[in-house]
Protein backbone atom coordinates (compact mmCIF):
# COMPACT_ATOMS: atom_id res chain seq x y z
CA MET A 1 0.00 0.01 0.00
CA LEU A 2 1.29 3.47 -0.85
CA ILE A 3 1.90 5.91 1.98
CA GLU A 4 -0.70 8.29 0.51
CA ASP A 5 -3.26 5.47 0.70
CA MET A 6 -2.26 4.65 4.27
CA LEU A 7 -2.65 8.29 5.28
CA GLY A 8 -6.08 8.46 3.69
CA GLU A 9 -7.13 5.28 5.46
CA LEU A 10 -5.99 6.85 8.75
CA GLY A 11 -8.15 9.90 8.05
CA HIS A 12 -5.39 12.30 6.98
CA GLU A 13 -5.24 14.41 3.83
CA VAL A 14 -2.05 14.72 1.77
CA THR A 15 -1.73 18.41 0.86
CA ALA A 16 1.70 18.31 -0.79
CA SER A 17 4.46 15.96 -1.86
CA ALA A 18 8.04 16.60 -2.95
CA ALA A 19 10.46 14.35 -4.79
CA HIS A 20 13.35 16.81 -4.74
CA LEU A 21 15.08 18.70 -1.92
CA ASP A 22 14.53 22.22 -3.34
CA HIS A 23 10.79 21.66 -3.60
CA ALA A 24 10.67 20.07 -0.15
CA LEU A 25 12.48 23.07 1.34
CA GLU A 26 10.08 25.49 -0.33
CA LEU A 27 7.12 23.56 1.09
CA ALA A 28 8.70 23.37 4.56
CA ARG A 29 9.26 27.12 4.59
CA ASN A 30 5.99 28.31 3.05
CA HIS A 31 3.26 25.66 3.04
CA GLU A 32 0.70 25.22 5.82
CA PHE A 33 0.26 21.70 7.16
CA ASP A 34 0.14 19.85 10.48
CA LEU A 35 2.67 17.09 9.86
CA ALA A 36 5.41 16.12 7.42
CA ILE A 37 6.76 12.66 6.73
CA LEU A 38 10.35 12.97 5.57
CA ASP A 39 12.31 10.36 3.69
CA VAL A 40 15.84 10.58 5.10
CA ASN A 41 17.34 10.36 1.61
CA LEU A 42 15.46 12.40 -0.98
CA ALA A 43 16.79 11.72 -4.45
CA GLY A 44 20.28 11.19 -3.04
CA LYS A 45 20.26 14.27 -0.79
CA SER A 46 19.94 14.52 2.98
CA ILE A 47 16.56 15.71 4.21
CA HIS A 48 18.04 17.39 7.30
CA PRO A 49 17.72 20.99 5.95
CA VAL A 50 13.98 20.38 5.53
CA ALA A 51 13.73 18.95 9.05
CA ARG A 52 15.46 22.09 10.39
CA ALA A 53 13.00 24.34 8.55
CA LEU A 54 10.06 22.39 9.96
CA LYS A 55 11.54 22.48 13.46
CA ASP A 56 12.00 26.25 13.15
CA ARG A 57 8.30 26.59 12.27
CA ASN A 58 7.23 24.14 15.01
CA ILE A 59 5.66 21.78 12.48
CA ALA A 60 5.51 18.14 13.54
CA PHE A 61 7.46 15.66 11.44
CA LEU A 62 8.69 12.11 11.40
CA PHE A 63 11.30 10.28 9.38
CA ALA A 64 10.72 7.34 7.07
CA SER A 65 13.81 5.46 5.96
CA GLY A 66 15.11 2.20 4.69
CA TYR A 67 18.51 3.23 5.99
CA ASP A 68 20.17 2.76 9.37
CA PRO A 69 18.64 5.01 12.07
CA SER A 70 22.14 6.30 12.79
CA ASP A 71 21.77 8.39 9.62
CA ILE A 72 19.63 10.79 11.71
CA LEU A 73 21.64 13.69 13.04
CA ARG A 74 21.96 14.08 16.80
CA GLU A 75 19.82 17.24 16.73
CA PHE A 76 16.87 15.09 15.64
CA GLU A 77 17.34 12.25 18.10
CA GLY A 78 13.97 11.29 19.54
CA THR A 79 12.10 12.24 16.39
CA PRO A 80 9.74 9.40 15.47
CA MET A 81 10.99 7.20 12.65
CA VAL A 82 9.43 4.40 10.68
CA GLY A 83 11.63 1.90 8.91
CA LYS A 84 10.71 0.99 5.36
CA PRO A 85 8.78 -1.06 4.62
CA PHE A 86 6.25 -0.33 7.34
CA GLU A 87 2.72 -1.30 8.25
CA ILE A 88 -0.14 1.16 8.65
CA GLU A 89 -0.23 0.56 12.42
CA THR A 90 3.44 1.57 12.70
CA LEU A 91 2.77 4.74 10.71
CA ALA A 92 -0.26 5.60 12.86
CA LYS A 93 1.80 5.26 16.04
CA ALA A 94 4.64 7.43 14.64
CA ILE A 95 2.15 10.12 13.51
CA SER A 96 0.60 10.19 16.98
CA GLN A 97 4.03 10.49 18.60
CA ALA A 98 5.16 13.28 16.27
CA LEU A 99 1.99 15.31 16.82
CA SER A 100 2.05 14.85 20.59
CA MET A 101 5.71 15.96 20.68
CA ASN A 102 4.50 19.24 19.16
CA GLY A 103 1.59 19.58 21.57
CA ARG A 104 -0.98 18.44 19.05
CA ALA A 105 -3.27 15.46 19.05
CA ILE A 106 -5.09 13.56 16.36
């Protein structure tokens, strides 16, 4: 199942998606949304600048990755992460954690 389908099944709406770092940064800096799911490696580039922009705006986020969790920088330790491939239940739990870390609830 695609992540967009999982999110829909969980009652969430996908308002934007980015396949390249520049677009992801633009969205992180200017788009309004409650939560972002960040692939650690976006087209061969680190997603950390996007995570910093979201953190600066106090927007909840979580990481999704097929890579080793040690790829996450120390400044983002404790940020929820789902390892690919993941089940819908795992995604739901990570979303709940990310939102509650930002003082939001679903």
